[in-house]
Amino acid sequence: MKTKNSKDISEIKEVRRLSNLFTQRNGRRPRIMIAEPITASLKKDTKIKASIYADLGFDVDISPPFENAKDIVKQAIESDVHILCVSTNNNHDYVAAIMEEFDYQGNTNIKLILGADLTEQHNSFLLETGTTTIFPKQTTTIGVARSILEVLLAN
């Protein structure tokens, strides 16, 4: 019988396998930028997430706290990330501003994922405007990483 720990280890191995597959196909590791734009109080959590993503095979960038949508999108484009991961405090207007900025700056390649607990109406709106995936805040970083890699490998 598998314990919770062995299940976690097998999931980590699977995420690393997907990361290696992405690297083989694309000649570089998957690159993610983590943005916690609304508050600086999550700085420690952001660093922990960044460490986990790095351990799973990602190159990681972190945006400074309190950045506006224009600066976050500019950094993501300049860093040539594949994924922009934004944690929101139920602020769908901010995410919409990021999507508008992506359009304005001509981005067509960066996938936007959200860590948010939004209403179904807001989720629908954001998915319609170009957000790739919305994860509830309680989703594990390993689970998010696996889903990200599956989306990247499908394209």
Protein backbone atom coordinates (compact mmCIF):
# COMPACT_ATOMS: atom_id res chain seq x y z
CA MET A 1 0.00 0.00 0.00
CA LYS A 2 1.31 3.46 -0.89
CA THR A 3 1.62 6.05 1.78
CA LYS A 4 0.86 9.71 1.16
CA ASN A 5 4.59 10.32 1.08
CA SER A 6 5.23 7.77 -1.68
CA LYS A 7 2.36 9.27 -3.70
CA ASP A 8 3.97 12.71 -3.35
CA ILE A 9 7.34 11.31 -4.43
CA SER A 10 5.84 9.66 -7.50
CA GLU A 11 4.08 12.92 -8.44
CA ILE A 12 7.35 14.84 -8.06
CA LYS A 13 9.11 12.31 -10.30
CA GLU A 14 6.34 12.66 -12.89
CA VAL A 15 6.58 16.46 -12.88
CA ARG A 16 10.36 16.26 -13.28
CA ARG A 17 9.90 13.80 -16.16
CA LEU A 18 7.51 16.24 -17.87
CA SER A 19 9.93 19.09 -17.26
CA ASN A 20 12.78 17.11 -18.80
CA LEU A 21 10.58 16.23 -21.78
CA PHE A 22 9.76 19.92 -22.27
CA THR A 23 13.48 20.77 -22.07
CA GLN A 24 14.34 18.11 -24.67
CA ARG A 25 11.66 19.35 -27.05
CA ASN A 26 12.37 23.07 -26.65
CA GLY A 27 16.09 23.26 -25.91
CA ARG A 28 15.52 25.08 -22.64
CA ARG A 29 13.75 24.60 -19.35
CA PRO A 30 10.18 25.80 -18.86
CA ARG A 31 10.29 29.36 -17.53
CA ILE A 32 7.71 30.72 -15.12
CA MET A 33 7.26 34.16 -13.61
CA ILE A 34 5.46 34.41 -10.31
CA ALA A 35 3.65 37.68 -9.65
CA GLU A 36 2.04 38.55 -6.34
CA PRO A 37 1.15 42.07 -7.41
CA ILE A 38 -1.32 43.15 -4.78
CA THR A 39 0.53 42.56 -1.54
CA ALA A 40 4.05 42.18 -0.24
CA SER A 41 2.86 40.11 2.71
CA LEU A 42 3.08 36.94 0.65
CA LYS A 43 6.78 37.39 -0.10
CA LYS A 44 7.83 34.33 1.93
CA ASP A 45 5.17 32.17 0.27
CA THR A 46 6.32 33.41 -3.13
CA LYS A 47 9.92 32.43 -2.40
CA ILE A 48 8.80 28.98 -1.26
CA LYS A 49 6.78 28.50 -4.46
CA ALA A 50 9.74 29.67 -6.53
CA SER A 51 12.00 27.14 -4.81
CA ILE A 52 9.54 24.33 -5.45
CA TYR A 53 9.21 25.23 -9.13
CA ALA A 54 13.01 25.37 -9.45
CA ASP A 55 13.33 21.96 -7.77
CA LEU A 56 10.82 20.60 -10.29
CA GLY A 57 12.88 21.79 -13.27
CA PHE A 58 11.60 25.29 -13.99
CA ASP A 59 13.57 28.49 -14.45
CA VAL A 60 11.83 30.99 -12.19
CA ASP A 61 11.45 34.77 -12.17
CA ILE A 62 9.65 36.71 -9.45
CA SER A 63 8.10 40.12 -9.99
CA PRO A 64 8.52 42.79 -7.34
CA PRO A 65 5.46 43.34 -5.14
CA PHE A 66 3.00 46.13 -5.93
CA GLU A 67 3.83 46.12 -9.65
CA ASN A 68 1.19 47.37 -12.03
CA ALA A 69 -0.06 45.25 -14.92
CA LYS A 70 2.09 47.07 -17.48
CA ASP A 71 5.32 46.41 -15.57
CA ILE A 72 4.47 42.78 -14.85
CA VAL A 73 3.74 42.08 -18.51
CA LYS A 74 6.86 43.96 -19.60
CA GLN A 75 9.02 41.87 -17.25
CA ALA A 76 7.36 38.64 -18.41
CA ILE A 77 7.98 39.45 -22.08
CA GLU A 78 11.56 40.62 -21.49
CA SER A 79 12.29 37.47 -19.45
CA ASP A 80 10.85 35.31 -22.25
CA VAL A 81 8.72 33.28 -19.86
CA HIS A 82 6.32 30.58 -20.96
CA ILE A 83 3.96 31.04 -18.02
CA LEU A 84 2.92 34.03 -15.95
CA CYS A 85 1.47 32.85 -12.64
CA VAL A 86 -0.50 35.55 -10.85
CA SER A 87 -1.96 35.19 -7.39
CA THR A 88 -4.88 37.49 -6.90
CA ASN A 89 -6.89 38.51 -3.91
CA ASN A 90 -10.19 38.18 -5.76
CA ASN A 91 -9.23 41.05 -8.04
CA HIS A 92 -10.50 40.08 -11.47
CA ASP A 93 -10.11 43.67 -12.73
CA TYR A 94 -6.35 43.46 -12.18
CA VAL A 95 -6.16 40.23 -14.16
CA ALA A 96 -8.22 41.80 -16.95
CA ALA A 97 -5.70 44.67 -17.00
CA ILE A 98 -2.88 42.14 -17.42
CA MET A 99 -4.71 40.53 -20.35
CA GLU A 100 -5.26 43.95 -21.96
CA GLU A 101 -1.57 44.73 -21.48
CA PHE A 102 -0.61 41.41 -23.12
CA ASP A 103 -2.70 42.43 -26.14
CA TYR A 104 -1.26 45.96 -26.16
CA GLN A 105 2.35 44.72 -25.99
CA GLY A 106 1.70 42.10 -28.66
CA ASN A 107 2.17 38.94 -26.60
CA THR A 108 0.73 35.80 -28.09
CA ASN A 109 2.92 33.15 -26.47
CA ILE A 110 2.85 33.61 -22.70
CA LYS A 111 0.19 31.62 -20.90
CA LEU A 112 -1.50 33.26 -17.93
CA ILE A 113 -2.49 31.11 -14.99
CA LEU A 114 -4.14 32.32 -11.82
CA GLY A 115 -4.15 31.25 -8.23
CA ALA A 116 -7.42 32.69 -7.05
CA ASP A 117 -10.69 31.98 -5.35
CA LEU A 118 -13.06 33.83 -7.63
CA THR A 119 -16.75 33.47 -8.34
CA GLU A 120 -17.83 31.26 -11.23
CA GLN A 121 -18.93 34.40 -13.12
CA HIS A 122 -15.47 35.95 -12.75
CA ASN A 123 -13.78 32.67 -13.71
CA SER A 124 -15.85 32.49 -16.89
CA PHE A 125 -15.03 36.09 -17.79
CA LEU A 126 -11.29 35.59 -17.25
CA LEU A 127 -11.17 32.33 -19.17
CA GLU A 128 -12.99 34.01 -22.06
CA THR A 129 -10.47 36.88 -22.10
CA GLY A 130 -7.45 34.61 -22.41
CA THR A 131 -6.52 33.22 -19.02
CA THR A 132 -5.27 29.67 -19.58
CA THR A 133 -6.18 28.13 -16.22
CA ILE A 134 -7.46 29.21 -12.81
CA PHE A 135 -6.39 27.17 -9.81
CA PRO A 136 -8.03 27.47 -6.42
CA LYS A 137 -5.54 28.85 -3.90
CA GLN A 138 -5.45 25.54 -2.02
CA THR A 139 -4.03 23.69 -5.07
CA THR A 140 -0.54 22.37 -4.38
CA THR A 141 2.40 23.88 -6.24
CA ILE A 142 3.30 20.40 -7.50
CA GLY A 143 -0.21 19.99 -8.91
CA VAL A 144 -0.02 23.38 -10.59
CA ALA A 145 3.42 22.56 -12.04
CA ARG A 146 2.14 19.31 -13.51
CA SER A 147 -0.86 21.04 -15.09
CA ILE A 148 1.36 23.80 -16.49
CA LEU A 149 3.70 21.28 -18.10
CA GLU A 150 0.79 19.34 -19.56
CA VAL A 151 -0.53 22.56 -21.16
CA LEU A 152 2.93 23.52 -22.48
CA LEU A 153 3.58 20.06 -23.88
CA ALA A 154 0.18 19.96 -25.59
CA ASN A 155 1.05 23.04 -27.66
